[in-house]
N, C-alpha and C. Protein backbone atom coordinates (compact mmCIF):
# COMPACT_ATOMS: atom_id res chain seq x y z
N VAL A 1 27.27 -106.58 -2.39
CA VAL A 1 26.95 -107.51 -1.32
C VAL A 1 25.52 -107.25 -0.86
N GLN A 2 24.77 -108.34 -0.76
CA GLN A 2 23.40 -108.24 -0.24
C GLN A 2 23.22 -109.23 0.89
N LEU A 3 22.55 -108.78 1.92
CA LEU A 3 22.24 -109.62 3.07
C LEU A 3 20.73 -109.61 3.27
N GLN A 4 20.16 -110.79 3.34
CA GLN A 4 18.71 -110.92 3.47
C GLN A 4 18.41 -111.71 4.73
N ALA A 5 17.91 -111.02 5.74
CA ALA A 5 17.61 -111.68 7.01
C ALA A 5 16.15 -112.06 7.07
N CYS A 6 15.88 -113.18 7.72
CA CYS A 6 14.50 -113.61 7.91
C CYS A 6 14.45 -114.54 9.11
N GLY A 7 13.23 -114.87 9.51
CA GLY A 7 13.03 -115.83 10.59
C GLY A 7 12.47 -115.25 11.87
N GLY A 8 12.30 -113.93 11.90
CA GLY A 8 11.75 -113.33 13.10
C GLY A 8 10.30 -113.69 13.31
N GLY A 9 9.80 -113.35 14.48
CA GLY A 9 8.41 -113.64 14.79
C GLY A 9 8.10 -113.43 16.26
N LEU A 10 6.96 -113.94 16.65
CA LEU A 10 6.50 -113.82 18.04
C LEU A 10 6.67 -115.17 18.72
N VAL A 11 7.27 -115.14 19.89
CA VAL A 11 7.50 -116.38 20.64
C VAL A 11 7.32 -116.09 22.13
N GLN A 12 6.92 -117.09 22.87
CA GLN A 12 6.78 -116.92 24.31
C GLN A 12 8.14 -117.02 25.00
N ALA A 13 8.22 -116.40 26.14
CA ALA A 13 9.45 -116.50 26.92
C ALA A 13 9.79 -117.96 27.18
N GLY A 14 11.07 -118.27 27.05
CA GLY A 14 11.52 -119.64 27.21
C GLY A 14 11.57 -120.41 25.91
N GLY A 15 10.97 -119.85 24.89
CA GLY A 15 10.93 -120.52 23.59
C GLY A 15 12.19 -120.29 22.77
N SER A 16 12.13 -120.79 21.54
CA SER A 16 13.28 -120.72 20.65
C SER A 16 12.87 -120.16 19.29
N LEU A 17 13.85 -119.61 18.61
CA LEU A 17 13.64 -119.07 17.28
C LEU A 17 14.97 -119.12 16.55
N SER A 18 14.90 -119.32 15.25
CA SER A 18 16.11 -119.32 14.44
C SER A 18 16.03 -118.25 13.36
N LEU A 19 17.05 -117.47 13.26
CA LEU A 19 17.15 -116.45 12.22
C LEU A 19 18.13 -116.90 11.16
N SER A 20 17.88 -116.48 9.94
CA SER A 20 18.79 -116.78 8.84
C SER A 20 19.18 -115.48 8.14
N CYS A 21 20.37 -115.50 7.59
CA CYS A 21 20.85 -114.35 6.82
C CYS A 21 21.52 -114.89 5.58
N ALA A 22 20.87 -114.74 4.45
CA ALA A 22 21.41 -115.19 3.18
C ALA A 22 22.30 -114.10 2.59
N ALA A 23 23.53 -114.45 2.31
CA ALA A 23 24.50 -113.49 1.80
C ALA A 23 24.79 -113.77 0.33
N SER A 24 24.89 -112.73 -0.45
CA SER A 24 25.18 -112.90 -1.86
C SER A 24 26.01 -111.73 -2.37
N GLY A 25 26.64 -111.95 -3.50
CA GLY A 25 27.37 -110.86 -4.14
C GLY A 25 28.85 -111.09 -4.27
N ARG A 26 29.39 -111.94 -3.41
CA ARG A 26 30.81 -112.22 -3.50
C ARG A 26 31.14 -113.38 -2.56
N SER A 27 32.40 -113.78 -2.59
CA SER A 27 32.87 -114.79 -1.65
C SER A 27 33.03 -114.17 -0.27
N PHE A 28 32.57 -114.88 0.75
CA PHE A 28 32.64 -114.36 2.10
C PHE A 28 33.72 -115.03 2.94
N SER A 29 34.63 -115.71 2.28
CA SER A 29 35.63 -116.49 2.99
C SER A 29 36.53 -115.64 3.88
N SER A 30 36.67 -114.37 3.59
CA SER A 30 37.53 -113.50 4.40
C SER A 30 36.73 -112.63 5.37
N TYR A 31 35.44 -112.82 5.40
CA TYR A 31 34.56 -111.94 6.16
C TYR A 31 34.35 -112.41 7.59
N VAL A 32 33.96 -111.45 8.41
CA VAL A 32 33.36 -111.73 9.71
C VAL A 32 31.89 -111.34 9.60
N MET A 33 31.04 -112.25 9.99
CA MET A 33 29.60 -112.01 9.91
C MET A 33 29.06 -111.82 11.32
N GLY A 34 28.18 -110.85 11.47
CA GLY A 34 27.68 -110.55 12.81
C GLY A 34 26.17 -110.42 12.84
N TRP A 35 25.64 -110.59 14.03
CA TRP A 35 24.24 -110.28 14.32
C TRP A 35 24.21 -109.16 15.35
N PHE A 36 23.35 -108.22 15.10
CA PHE A 36 23.13 -107.11 16.01
C PHE A 36 21.63 -107.01 16.28
N ARG A 37 21.26 -106.24 17.27
CA ARG A 37 19.85 -106.03 17.53
C ARG A 37 19.61 -104.63 18.07
N GLN A 38 18.40 -104.16 17.85
CA GLN A 38 18.02 -102.85 18.35
C GLN A 38 16.62 -102.94 18.93
N ALA A 39 16.55 -102.75 20.23
CA ALA A 39 15.26 -102.76 20.93
C ALA A 39 14.62 -101.37 20.83
N PRO A 40 13.32 -101.29 20.97
CA PRO A 40 12.64 -99.99 20.90
C PRO A 40 13.22 -99.01 21.90
N GLY A 41 13.60 -97.85 21.42
CA GLY A 41 14.12 -96.81 22.29
C GLY A 41 15.55 -97.00 22.75
N LYS A 42 16.21 -98.00 22.22
CA LYS A 42 17.58 -98.27 22.63
C LYS A 42 18.51 -98.24 21.43
N GLU A 43 19.80 -98.19 21.71
CA GLU A 43 20.78 -98.20 20.65
C GLU A 43 21.00 -99.63 20.16
N ARG A 44 21.46 -99.72 18.97
CA ARG A 44 21.79 -101.03 18.41
C ARG A 44 22.95 -101.63 19.20
N GLU A 45 22.87 -102.94 19.43
CA GLU A 45 23.92 -103.60 20.19
C GLU A 45 24.37 -104.87 19.49
N PHE A 46 25.60 -105.23 19.76
CA PHE A 46 26.20 -106.44 19.21
C PHE A 46 25.60 -107.66 19.89
N VAL A 47 25.39 -108.71 19.12
CA VAL A 47 24.86 -109.96 19.66
C VAL A 47 25.88 -111.09 19.52
N ALA A 48 26.35 -111.32 18.31
CA ALA A 48 27.26 -112.44 18.07
C ALA A 48 27.97 -112.23 16.75
N ARG A 49 29.12 -112.89 16.61
CA ARG A 49 29.82 -112.84 15.33
C ARG A 49 30.50 -114.18 15.07
N ILE A 50 30.78 -114.42 13.81
CA ILE A 50 31.47 -115.63 13.41
C ILE A 50 32.46 -115.28 12.31
N ILE A 51 33.64 -115.83 12.42
CA ILE A 51 34.64 -115.68 11.37
C ILE A 51 34.36 -116.74 10.32
N TRP A 52 34.05 -116.30 9.12
CA TRP A 52 33.61 -117.24 8.10
C TRP A 52 34.63 -118.33 7.85
N SER A 53 35.91 -117.98 7.82
CA SER A 53 36.92 -118.94 7.39
C SER A 53 37.17 -120.05 8.40
N ASP A 54 37.09 -119.74 9.69
CA ASP A 54 37.41 -120.79 10.66
C ASP A 54 36.27 -121.06 11.65
N THR A 55 35.14 -120.39 11.44
CA THR A 55 33.91 -120.56 12.25
C THR A 55 34.10 -120.26 13.72
N SER A 56 35.15 -119.56 14.09
CA SER A 56 35.26 -119.17 15.50
C SER A 56 34.21 -118.11 15.80
N THR A 57 33.71 -118.13 17.01
CA THR A 57 32.57 -117.30 17.37
C THR A 57 32.84 -116.47 18.62
N TYR A 58 32.02 -115.45 18.77
CA TYR A 58 32.09 -114.59 19.95
C TYR A 58 30.69 -114.06 20.22
N TYR A 59 30.33 -113.98 21.51
CA TYR A 59 28.97 -113.60 21.88
C TYR A 59 28.97 -112.47 22.89
N ALA A 60 27.91 -111.70 22.85
CA ALA A 60 27.66 -110.75 23.91
C ALA A 60 27.33 -111.52 25.18
N ALA A 61 27.70 -110.97 26.31
CA ALA A 61 27.48 -111.65 27.58
C ALA A 61 26.00 -111.94 27.81
N SER A 62 25.14 -111.06 27.32
CA SER A 62 23.72 -111.21 27.56
C SER A 62 23.09 -112.40 26.84
N VAL A 63 23.77 -112.93 25.82
CA VAL A 63 23.19 -114.03 25.06
C VAL A 63 24.05 -115.29 25.12
N LYS A 64 25.23 -115.20 25.68
CA LYS A 64 26.14 -116.35 25.71
C LYS A 64 25.49 -117.51 26.45
N GLY A 65 25.58 -118.67 25.83
CA GLY A 65 24.97 -119.85 26.42
C GLY A 65 23.54 -120.09 25.98
N ARG A 66 22.92 -119.07 25.39
CA ARG A 66 21.54 -119.20 24.91
C ARG A 66 21.46 -119.13 23.38
N PHE A 67 22.32 -118.33 22.78
CA PHE A 67 22.30 -118.13 21.34
C PHE A 67 23.50 -118.84 20.72
N THR A 68 23.30 -119.30 19.49
CA THR A 68 24.39 -119.94 18.74
C THR A 68 24.42 -119.38 17.32
N ILE A 69 25.56 -118.87 16.92
CA ILE A 69 25.75 -118.40 15.56
C ILE A 69 26.50 -119.47 14.77
N SER A 70 26.09 -119.65 13.53
CA SER A 70 26.75 -120.64 12.68
C SER A 70 26.62 -120.18 11.24
N ARG A 71 27.32 -120.88 10.36
CA ARG A 71 27.21 -120.52 8.95
C ARG A 71 27.27 -121.79 8.10
N ASP A 72 26.63 -121.69 6.95
CA ASP A 72 26.62 -122.77 5.97
C ASP A 72 27.38 -122.27 4.75
N ASN A 73 28.54 -122.83 4.52
CA ASN A 73 29.41 -122.37 3.44
C ASN A 73 28.80 -122.61 2.06
N VAL A 74 28.03 -123.67 1.92
CA VAL A 74 27.43 -124.00 0.63
C VAL A 74 26.28 -123.05 0.32
N LYS A 75 25.47 -122.78 1.31
CA LYS A 75 24.29 -121.91 1.12
C LYS A 75 24.62 -120.44 1.30
N ASN A 76 25.85 -120.12 1.71
CA ASN A 76 26.23 -118.73 1.97
C ASN A 76 25.25 -118.07 2.94
N THR A 77 24.96 -118.78 3.99
CA THR A 77 23.95 -118.32 4.94
C THR A 77 24.52 -118.38 6.36
N VAL A 78 24.17 -117.36 7.11
CA VAL A 78 24.54 -117.30 8.53
C VAL A 78 23.27 -117.46 9.35
N TYR A 79 23.37 -118.19 10.44
CA TYR A 79 22.20 -118.48 11.27
C TYR A 79 22.42 -117.96 12.69
N LEU A 80 21.33 -117.68 13.33
CA LEU A 80 21.37 -117.36 14.76
C LEU A 80 20.26 -118.18 15.42
N ARG A 81 20.68 -119.17 16.16
CA ARG A 81 19.73 -119.98 16.90
C ARG A 81 19.58 -119.37 18.29
N MET A 82 18.35 -119.06 18.65
CA MET A 82 18.10 -118.40 19.92
C MET A 82 17.23 -119.29 20.79
N ASN A 83 17.77 -119.71 21.91
CA ASN A 83 17.05 -120.55 22.88
C ASN A 83 16.81 -119.78 24.17
N SER A 84 15.91 -120.29 24.96
CA SER A 84 15.61 -119.69 26.27
C SER A 84 15.38 -118.19 26.15
N LEU A 85 14.56 -117.83 25.21
CA LEU A 85 14.35 -116.41 24.93
C LEU A 85 13.67 -115.70 26.09
N LYS A 86 14.04 -114.46 26.27
CA LYS A 86 13.52 -113.62 27.34
C LYS A 86 12.84 -112.39 26.73
N PRO A 87 11.92 -111.79 27.44
CA PRO A 87 11.29 -110.57 26.91
C PRO A 87 12.31 -109.50 26.53
N GLU A 88 13.41 -109.45 27.24
CA GLU A 88 14.44 -108.44 26.92
C GLU A 88 15.20 -108.74 25.63
N ASP A 89 14.95 -109.90 25.04
CA ASP A 89 15.52 -110.19 23.72
C ASP A 89 14.70 -109.58 22.59
N THR A 90 13.56 -109.02 22.93
CA THR A 90 12.71 -108.39 21.93
C THR A 90 13.44 -107.24 21.25
N ALA A 91 13.53 -107.31 19.92
CA ALA A 91 14.29 -106.31 19.16
C ALA A 91 14.16 -106.62 17.68
N VAL A 92 14.63 -105.68 16.88
CA VAL A 92 14.85 -105.96 15.47
C VAL A 92 16.28 -106.46 15.35
N TYR A 93 16.43 -107.60 14.72
CA TYR A 93 17.74 -108.23 14.58
C TYR A 93 18.26 -108.00 13.17
N TYR A 94 19.53 -107.62 13.11
CA TYR A 94 20.18 -107.34 11.84
C TYR A 94 21.41 -108.22 11.67
N CYS A 95 21.60 -108.71 10.45
CA CYS A 95 22.87 -109.34 10.15
C CYS A 95 23.75 -108.34 9.42
N ALA A 96 25.04 -108.52 9.57
CA ALA A 96 25.99 -107.57 8.99
C ALA A 96 27.27 -108.29 8.62
N ALA A 97 28.01 -107.67 7.70
CA ALA A 97 29.24 -108.26 7.20
C ALA A 97 30.40 -107.28 7.34
N ASP A 98 31.46 -107.80 7.94
CA ASP A 98 32.71 -107.04 8.11
C ASP A 98 33.71 -107.59 7.12
N GLN A 99 33.99 -106.84 6.09
CA GLN A 99 34.79 -107.34 4.98
C GLN A 99 36.22 -107.68 5.37
N TYR A 100 36.80 -106.93 6.29
CA TYR A 100 38.22 -107.10 6.57
C TYR A 100 38.49 -107.64 7.97
N GLY A 101 37.44 -107.93 8.72
CA GLY A 101 37.63 -108.47 10.06
C GLY A 101 38.23 -107.49 11.02
N ARG A 102 37.96 -106.21 10.83
CA ARG A 102 38.56 -105.18 11.69
C ARG A 102 37.52 -104.51 12.58
N GLY A 103 36.35 -105.08 12.62
CA GLY A 103 35.33 -104.55 13.52
C GLY A 103 34.43 -103.50 12.93
N THR A 104 34.59 -103.22 11.65
CA THR A 104 33.70 -102.28 10.97
C THR A 104 32.82 -103.07 10.01
N TYR A 105 31.53 -103.01 10.25
CA TYR A 105 30.60 -103.77 9.43
C TYR A 105 30.15 -102.90 8.27
N HIS A 106 30.53 -103.32 7.08
CA HIS A 106 30.28 -102.49 5.90
C HIS A 106 28.91 -102.72 5.29
N TYR A 107 28.37 -103.91 5.50
CA TYR A 107 27.13 -104.27 4.84
C TYR A 107 26.11 -104.75 5.88
N TRP A 108 24.85 -104.33 5.66
CA TRP A 108 23.80 -104.65 6.62
C TRP A 108 22.57 -105.19 5.91
N GLY A 109 21.93 -106.15 6.57
CA GLY A 109 20.64 -106.62 6.08
C GLY A 109 19.53 -105.70 6.55
N GLN A 110 18.32 -106.03 6.18
CA GLN A 110 17.21 -105.14 6.42
C GLN A 110 16.57 -105.30 7.80
N GLY A 111 16.93 -106.31 8.53
CA GLY A 111 16.38 -106.51 9.86
C GLY A 111 15.16 -107.41 9.87
N THR A 112 15.06 -108.17 10.94
CA THR A 112 13.89 -109.02 11.13
C THR A 112 13.49 -108.90 12.60
N GLU A 113 12.19 -108.77 12.83
CA GLU A 113 11.70 -108.44 14.16
C GLU A 113 11.43 -109.68 14.99
N VAL A 114 11.93 -109.65 16.21
CA VAL A 114 11.70 -110.73 17.18
C VAL A 114 10.97 -110.14 18.38
N THR A 115 9.85 -110.74 18.73
CA THR A 115 9.09 -110.31 19.90
C THR A 115 8.93 -111.49 20.83
N VAL A 116 9.35 -111.30 22.06
CA VAL A 116 9.24 -112.35 23.08
C VAL A 116 8.24 -111.90 24.13
N SER A 117 7.17 -112.64 24.23
CA SER A 117 6.12 -112.28 25.19
C SER A 117 6.37 -112.97 26.53
N SER A 118 5.96 -112.30 27.58
CA SER A 118 6.18 -112.85 28.93
C SER A 118 5.01 -113.71 29.38
């Protein structure tokens, strides 16, 4: 399984950015796909997840209402649309795959950096 994240960059506060995570290596129909982030000097934290098979989603309280996770079954890609960005959203964002839907993410992408300026 390979996960390739991209789409990070520099954006002003209040702006928007979309991240993509291209997944390859097997069928992801039974997987839960997640986005996590790690800010400088802080621990990695959960951002959002989506169940591939039924597209149900769950968000961290800090991003709910601003971020949207989705997936494209044909392209095998997971997206994170981020609106109303805040400086505290600045972090390296990682996509990850939970093979059995039990909360353990077995596979991780390389991370893409998001910087939100005030």
